[in-house]
Protein backbone atom coordinates (compact mmCIF):
# COMPACT_ATOMS: atom_id res chain seq x y z
CA UNK A 1 -0.17 0.48 0.23
CA UNK A 2 3.12 2.45 0.61
CA UNK A 3 3.29 2.54 -2.85
CA UNK A 4 -0.42 3.63 -3.74
CA UNK A 5 0.90 7.27 -4.27
CA UNK A 6 4.29 7.95 -4.99
CA UNK A 7 3.62 11.02 -7.16
CA UNK A 8 0.32 12.67 -8.19
CA UNK A 9 -0.34 16.04 -10.11
CA UNK A 10 -3.79 18.20 -8.47
CA UNK A 11 -5.72 20.59 -10.50
CA UNK A 12 -6.61 23.06 -7.96
CA UNK A 13 -7.63 25.80 -10.62
CA UNK A 14 -9.58 26.07 -13.45
CA UNK A 15 -9.10 29.64 -14.75
CA UNK A 16 -6.83 29.62 -17.41
CA UNK A 17 -5.42 33.35 -19.53
CA UNK A 18 -6.94 33.54 -22.56
CA UNK A 19 -8.09 30.10 -22.89
CA UNK A 20 -11.92 30.48 -24.24
CA UNK A 21 -14.76 28.85 -21.98
CA UNK A 22 -15.32 25.78 -24.33
CA UNK A 23 -11.34 25.36 -24.04
CA UNK A 24 -11.53 25.04 -20.26
CA UNK A 25 -11.95 21.45 -19.63
CA UNK A 26 -9.42 20.65 -22.82
CA UNK A 27 -7.17 22.23 -21.02
CA UNK A 28 -7.60 20.11 -17.72
CA UNK A 29 -7.86 17.07 -20.23
CA UNK A 30 -4.66 18.20 -21.66
CA UNK A 31 -2.72 18.62 -17.92
CA UNK A 32 -4.29 15.21 -17.19
CA UNK A 33 -2.81 13.26 -19.74
CA UNK A 34 0.58 15.15 -19.66
CA UNK A 35 0.63 14.26 -16.21
CA UNK A 36 0.46 10.60 -16.78
CA UNK A 37 2.37 10.92 -20.08
CA UNK A 38 5.21 12.62 -17.05
CA UNK A 39 4.89 9.61 -14.95
CA UNK A 40 2.75 10.96 -12.52
CA UNK A 41 1.03 8.01 -11.33
CA UNK A 42 -2.37 10.33 -10.30
CA UNK A 43 -4.54 13.00 -10.62
CA UNK A 44 -6.21 15.05 -8.39
CA UNK A 45 -9.06 17.74 -8.48
CA UNK A 46 -10.45 19.68 -4.74
CA UNK A 47 -14.27 18.40 -4.14
CA UNK A 48 -15.00 22.51 -4.00
CA UNK A 49 -17.43 24.34 -5.81
CA UNK A 50 -16.06 27.94 -5.65
CA UNK A 51 -12.49 28.67 -5.77
CA UNK A 52 -10.23 28.89 -2.10
CA UNK A 53 -9.32 32.28 -0.66
CA UNK A 54 -5.28 31.16 -1.47
CA UNK A 55 -6.18 30.87 -4.92
CA UNK A 56 -8.32 33.45 -6.46
CA UNK A 57 -12.01 35.23 -5.40
CA UNK A 58 -14.84 32.51 -4.97
CA UNK A 59 -16.45 33.51 -8.77
CA UNK A 60 -13.73 31.52 -10.37
CA UNK A 61 -14.53 29.03 -12.67
CA UNK A 62 -14.93 26.02 -10.65
CA UNK A 63 -15.88 22.14 -12.16
CA UNK A 64 -17.67 19.66 -9.92
CA UNK A 65 -14.87 17.31 -9.04
CA UNK A 66 -16.44 13.84 -9.45
CA UNK A 67 -17.84 14.90 -12.96
CA UNK A 68 -14.31 16.20 -13.83
CA UNK A 69 -12.96 13.05 -12.73
CA UNK A 70 -15.32 10.72 -14.45
CA UNK A 71 -14.57 12.54 -17.84
CA UNK A 72 -10.82 12.08 -17.22
CA UNK A 73 -11.52 8.61 -16.99
CA UNK A 74 -12.33 8.20 -20.59
CA UNK A 75 -9.38 9.99 -21.59
CA UNK A 76 -6.47 8.53 -19.59
CA UNK A 77 -5.58 4.89 -19.17
CA UNK A 78 -3.34 4.60 -16.08
CA UNK A 79 -3.26 6.90 -13.14
CA UNK A 80 -5.29 6.73 -10.36
CA UNK A 81 -8.04 9.21 -9.93
CA UNK A 82 -9.87 10.75 -7.14
CA UNK A 83 -10.52 14.28 -4.91
CA UNK A 84 -8.26 15.96 -2.39
CA UNK A 85 -10.36 15.25 -0.73
CA UNK A 86 -13.93 15.54 -0.70
CA UNK A 87 -16.04 17.29 1.95
CA UNK A 88 -17.99 14.54 4.36
CA UNK A 89 -21.25 17.05 4.22
CA UNK A 90 -21.38 17.24 1.05
CA UNK A 91 -22.50 13.67 0.12
CA UNK A 92 -24.61 11.39 1.84
CA UNK A 93 -21.57 8.30 2.61
CA UNK A 94 -23.37 5.49 0.68
CA UNK A 95 -23.97 7.59 -1.98
CA UNK A 96 -20.28 9.07 -1.72
CA UNK A 97 -19.92 4.97 -2.04
CA UNK A 98 -21.86 5.00 -5.32
CA UNK A 99 -20.33 7.74 -7.08
CA UNK A 100 -16.62 6.46 -6.19
CA UNK A 101 -17.08 3.02 -7.47
CA UNK A 102 -19.17 4.23 -10.84
CA UNK A 103 -15.76 6.23 -11.03
CA UNK A 104 -13.73 2.61 -10.09
CA UNK A 105 -15.91 1.03 -12.87
CA UNK A 106 -15.12 3.85 -15.35
CA UNK A 107 -11.72 3.99 -15.06
CA UNK A 108 -10.79 0.09 -15.28
CA UNK A 109 -9.96 0.47 -11.31
CA UNK A 110 -8.25 3.75 -10.95
CA UNK A 111 -10.44 5.39 -8.30
CA UNK A 112 -9.47 6.94 -4.86
CA UNK A 113 -11.51 7.53 -2.66
CA UNK A 114 -10.58 10.60 -0.85
CA UNK A 115 -12.33 12.13 2.31
CA UNK A 116 -11.68 14.89 5.48
CA UNK A 117 -14.05 16.80 7.78
CA UNK A 118 -14.44 19.75 5.40
CA UNK A 119 -13.58 22.99 6.02
CA UNK A 120 -14.96 25.74 3.96
CA UNK A 121 -17.47 27.46 5.75
CA UNK A 122 -18.04 30.03 3.00
CA UNK A 123 -19.10 27.55 0.50
CA UNK A 124 -21.19 25.74 3.01
CA UNK A 125 -23.03 28.91 3.63
CA UNK A 126 -23.36 30.20 0.07
CA UNK A 127 -24.74 26.92 -1.06
CA UNK A 128 -26.67 25.82 1.64
CA UNK A 129 -25.01 22.75 3.31
CA UNK A 130 -24.89 22.24 7.19
CA UNK A 131 -21.81 23.61 8.42
CA UNK A 132 -22.56 21.89 11.80
CA UNK A 133 -19.15 22.34 14.70
CA UNK A 134 -15.93 20.65 14.27
CA UNK A 135 -16.63 17.76 16.90
CA UNK A 136 -19.81 16.68 14.74
CA UNK A 137 -17.73 16.77 11.65
CA UNK A 138 -15.68 14.28 12.70
CA UNK A 139 -17.84 12.27 14.00
CA UNK A 140 -19.76 11.79 10.36
CA UNK A 141 -16.40 11.40 9.17
CA UNK A 142 -16.27 8.39 11.27
CA UNK A 143 -19.09 7.13 10.79
CA UNK A 144 -18.84 7.55 6.92
CA UNK A 145 -15.55 5.57 7.18
CA UNK A 146 -17.86 3.03 8.75
CA UNK A 147 -20.22 3.03 5.87
CA UNK A 148 -18.14 3.08 2.80
CA UNK A 149 -15.33 0.49 3.03
CA UNK A 150 -17.99 -2.62 3.73
CA UNK A 151 -19.91 -0.65 0.70
CA UNK A 152 -16.27 -1.08 -1.48
CA UNK A 153 -16.21 -4.52 -0.09
CA UNK A 154 -19.98 -5.45 -1.16
CA UNK A 155 -20.78 -6.36 2.02
CA UNK A 156 -24.28 -4.92 2.11
CA UNK A 157 -23.57 -2.88 5.26
CA UNK A 158 -26.45 -2.05 8.06
CA UNK A 159 -25.32 0.64 9.99
CA UNK A 160 -26.97 3.43 12.24
CA UNK A 161 -25.27 6.13 14.20
CA UNK A 162 -26.14 9.52 15.14
CA UNK A 163 -25.48 10.97 11.57
CA UNK A 164 -26.02 7.99 8.94
CA UNK A 165 -27.56 4.64 9.07
CA UNK A 166 -27.95 2.37 5.98
CA UNK A 167 -30.25 -1.30 5.83
CA UNK A 168 -28.22 -3.82 3.87
CA UNK A 169 -26.75 -1.13 1.44
CA UNK A 170 -26.55 -2.73 -1.95
CA UNK A 171 -23.32 -1.84 -4.06
CA UNK A 172 -23.59 -3.03 -7.35
CA UNK A 173 -21.26 -3.26 -9.66
CA UNK A 174 -18.95 -3.55 -7.25
CA UNK A 175 -15.35 -1.78 -7.84
CA UNK A 176 -13.22 -3.65 -10.17
CA UNK A 177 -10.02 -2.57 -7.93
CA UNK A 178 -8.92 -6.06 -6.31
CA UNK A 179 -10.08 -5.35 -2.59
CA UNK A 180 -12.18 -2.60 -3.36
CA UNK A 181 -11.40 1.57 -4.39
CA UNK A 182 -8.67 2.81 -1.56
CA UNK A 183 -9.56 5.21 1.23
CA UNK A 184 -7.67 8.26 1.61
CA UNK A 185 -7.97 10.42 4.56
CA UNK A 186 -6.96 14.28 4.06
CA UNK A 187 -6.06 16.56 7.06
CA UNK A 188 -3.39 17.18 9.30
CA UNK A 189 -5.16 17.04 12.59
CA UNK A 190 -3.34 15.01 15.19
CA UNK A 191 -6.12 14.14 17.69
CA UNK A 192 -8.40 12.91 15.08
CA UNK A 193 -7.89 13.33 11.38
CA UNK A 194 -4.79 11.35 11.87
CA UNK A 195 -5.97 8.74 14.25
CA UNK A 196 -9.03 7.95 11.95
CA UNK A 197 -6.78 7.54 8.72
CA UNK A 198 -4.59 5.31 10.76
CA UNK A 199 -7.28 3.63 11.96
CA UNK A 200 -9.64 3.21 8.50
CA UNK A 201 -8.10 4.51 5.56
CA UNK A 202 -5.30 3.29 3.12
CA UNK A 203 -4.07 6.50 2.86
CA UNK A 204 -3.03 9.77 4.68
CA UNK A 205 -2.52 12.84 2.93
CA UNK A 206 -0.92 15.70 4.96
CA UNK A 207 -2.27 19.17 4.36
CA UNK A 208 0.78 20.37 6.85
CA UNK A 209 3.96 22.56 6.74
CA UNK A 210 7.44 21.06 6.11
CA UNK A 211 8.36 22.01 9.22
CA UNK A 212 5.59 19.82 10.36
CA UNK A 213 5.55 16.79 9.10
CA UNK A 214 7.94 14.70 10.97
CA UNK A 215 6.11 15.59 14.10
CA UNK A 216 2.85 14.28 12.06
CA UNK A 217 4.58 10.84 10.94
CA UNK A 218 5.24 10.47 14.19
CA UNK A 219 1.53 11.07 15.23
CA UNK A 220 0.55 8.76 12.61
CA UNK A 221 2.94 6.03 13.37
CA UNK A 222 1.73 5.86 17.01
CA UNK A 223 -2.05 5.85 15.85
CA UNK A 224 -1.16 2.79 13.76
CA UNK A 225 0.38 0.94 16.69
CA UNK A 226 -2.67 1.39 19.02
CA UNK A 227 -4.73 0.55 15.85
CA UNK A 228 -2.73 -2.38 15.76
CA UNK A 229 -1.88 -1.83 12.05
CA UNK A 230 1.61 -2.13 9.95
CA UNK A 231 2.76 1.23 8.59
CA UNK A 232 3.32 -0.98 5.21
CA UNK A 233 -0.52 -1.13 5.18
CA UNK A 234 -0.99 2.88 5.02
CA UNK A 235 0.75 5.44 2.08
CA UNK A 236 1.31 8.33 3.48
CA UNK A 237 1.68 11.81 1.37
CA UNK A 238 2.07 15.45 1.25
CA UNK A 239 0.28 17.97 -0.68
CA UNK A 240 2.23 21.34 -1.47
CA UNK A 241 2.76 23.89 -4.09
CA UNK A 242 5.97 23.61 -6.54
CA UNK A 243 7.20 27.24 -8.22
CA UNK A 244 9.69 26.14 -10.60
CA UNK A 245 11.42 28.14 -13.08
CA UNK A 246 15.45 27.83 -14.90
CA UNK A 247 16.98 29.62 -12.45
CA UNK A 248 16.17 30.34 -8.49
CA UNK A 249 16.11 33.95 -9.60
CA UNK A 250 13.35 33.50 -11.58
CA UNK A 251 11.23 30.75 -9.72
CA UNK A 252 11.70 34.14 -6.99
CA UNK A 253 10.28 36.61 -9.85
CA UNK A 254 7.75 34.13 -10.59
CA UNK A 255 6.47 33.29 -7.44
CA UNK A 256 6.42 37.12 -6.56
CA UNK A 257 4.14 37.57 -9.37
CA UNK A 258 1.52 34.68 -8.72
CA UNK A 259 1.18 36.24 -4.75
CA UNK A 260 0.87 39.60 -6.73
CA UNK A 261 -2.10 38.32 -9.13
CA UNK A 262 -3.98 36.48 -6.02
CA UNK A 263 -3.71 40.12 -3.79
CA UNK A 264 -0.93 39.55 -1.87
CA UNK A 265 2.01 42.35 -1.81
CA UNK A 266 5.25 40.56 -2.48
CA UNK A 267 7.15 42.99 -0.36
CA UNK A 268 6.02 40.88 2.63
CA UNK A 269 8.39 37.82 1.53
CA UNK A 270 11.10 40.46 2.60
CA UNK A 271 10.08 39.86 6.33
CA UNK A 272 11.51 36.22 7.08
CA UNK A 273 9.13 35.23 9.26
CA UNK A 274 6.52 36.19 6.92
CA UNK A 275 8.19 34.25 4.10
CA UNK A 276 8.51 30.97 6.23
CA UNK A 277 4.61 31.37 6.93
CA UNK A 278 3.82 31.75 3.53
CA UNK A 279 6.20 29.15 1.80
CA UNK A 280 5.57 26.04 4.77
CA UNK A 281 3.85 24.41 1.49
CA UNK A 282 4.92 26.55 -1.24
CA UNK A 283 8.70 24.85 -2.55
CA UNK A 284 9.95 27.43 -5.14
CA UNK A 285 13.37 27.13 -6.92
CA UNK A 286 15.04 25.35 -9.98
CA UNK A 287 14.66 21.55 -10.79
CA UNK A 288 17.83 21.18 -8.32
CA UNK A 289 16.68 23.24 -5.05
CA UNK A 290 13.42 21.62 -5.93
CA UNK A 291 14.07 18.33 -5.43
CA UNK A 292 16.52 19.17 -2.59
CA UNK A 293 13.41 20.40 -0.65
CA UNK A 294 11.22 17.55 -1.88
CA UNK A 295 13.62 15.01 -0.29
CA UNK A 296 13.75 16.47 2.57
CA UNK A 297 10.42 16.19 3.21
CA UNK A 298 10.54 12.62 2.22
CA UNK A 299 13.00 12.12 4.52
CA UNK A 300 10.41 12.94 7.15
CA UNK A 301 8.59 9.67 6.81
CA UNK A 302 6.48 10.53 3.73
CA UNK A 303 5.83 7.46 0.97
CA UNK A 304 4.65 10.30 -1.72
CA UNK A 305 4.61 13.95 -2.60
CA UNK A 306 1.38 15.02 -4.74
CA UNK A 307 2.08 18.64 -6.32
CA UNK A 308 0.17 21.70 -7.68
CA UNK A 309 1.42 24.35 -10.13
CA UNK A 310 -0.74 27.36 -9.91
CA UNK A 311 1.70 29.77 -11.05
CA UNK A 312 1.84 27.90 -14.53
CA UNK A 313 -1.88 28.65 -15.79
CA UNK A 314 -2.27 24.57 -16.70
CA UNK A 315 0.34 25.12 -18.96
CA UNK A 316 0.77 21.00 -19.92
CA UNK A 317 4.75 21.81 -20.50
CA UNK A 318 5.45 22.83 -17.23
CA UNK A 319 2.87 19.67 -15.90
CA UNK A 320 5.94 17.76 -17.68
CA UNK A 321 8.91 19.28 -16.29
CA UNK A 322 7.25 19.49 -12.39
CA UNK A 323 6.81 15.61 -13.34
CA UNK A 324 10.66 14.79 -14.12
CA UNK A 325 11.54 17.10 -10.80
CA UNK A 326 8.69 14.84 -8.55
CA UNK A 327 9.93 11.75 -9.90
CA UNK A 328 13.51 12.78 -9.15
CA UNK A 329 13.19 12.88 -6.00
CA UNK A 330 11.18 10.09 -4.86
CA UNK A 331 13.38 7.89 -6.81
CA UNK A 332 10.29 6.79 -9.58
């Protein structure tokens, strides 16, 4: 299972300068196929309906994740496909099991079920989704995990929880992947998220700063021991942003331009404390510099890296360059 995700590519943006509306999804396909051809083992989209604050205005283009993945399943051949990650508040878990199973069948056995406790309150309020307190969302997540796994295995679960119920839930056809669709829990919370992932999931994707990764892996290892599971049963990856260029200087300029386009004064980077905070999950540099940073992150005990490239406007050539860097770092 530790090889489930070694080098992944996430598409978080559907706003491409100079691309007409009818060219939006073709550009998404170009990125996904470029990622696959260059050796990324997985392609991911977000499960959001509005754009996230750190990436742009809320009314920027945003495709519904599972519809997009279903179409990408027909455009790709080998890459695993999933969301980073489905908010548990958005879909009944039995329905989610059907959705992800359908994606697995369409893709020939390449779906991964990403799920997390959800966090984007503004989106929930705007679209009318209930946004319960964090404690309740974690209860919902644990119940969802207990429904998803048996449905992926065709066990027809009967489950009566506080938030969800099933009665001999049928999931036909079953996933094509042997052993069912792998489940990935996304997040970084040490009290609930990581222990839930260690107990129920096949993978955890960390949303944390590079300097936090060692601690997060230690928490995961302890939670695996408590759950009676071996480390080899779980894939642990990290989602980060790459800002790549031919030289370190060009990458820095590219980074500052990206921040300015998102309404941030690049001059804040001149403050070492602010720069450390801003770049906790953003790796900036030339190929050698970024490979070095990725290897340092992997040294914390990670199994894989998932990257996005918001500074590159969906350029398929940039995806290919990023794949070379990430695969070099992970030894793929």
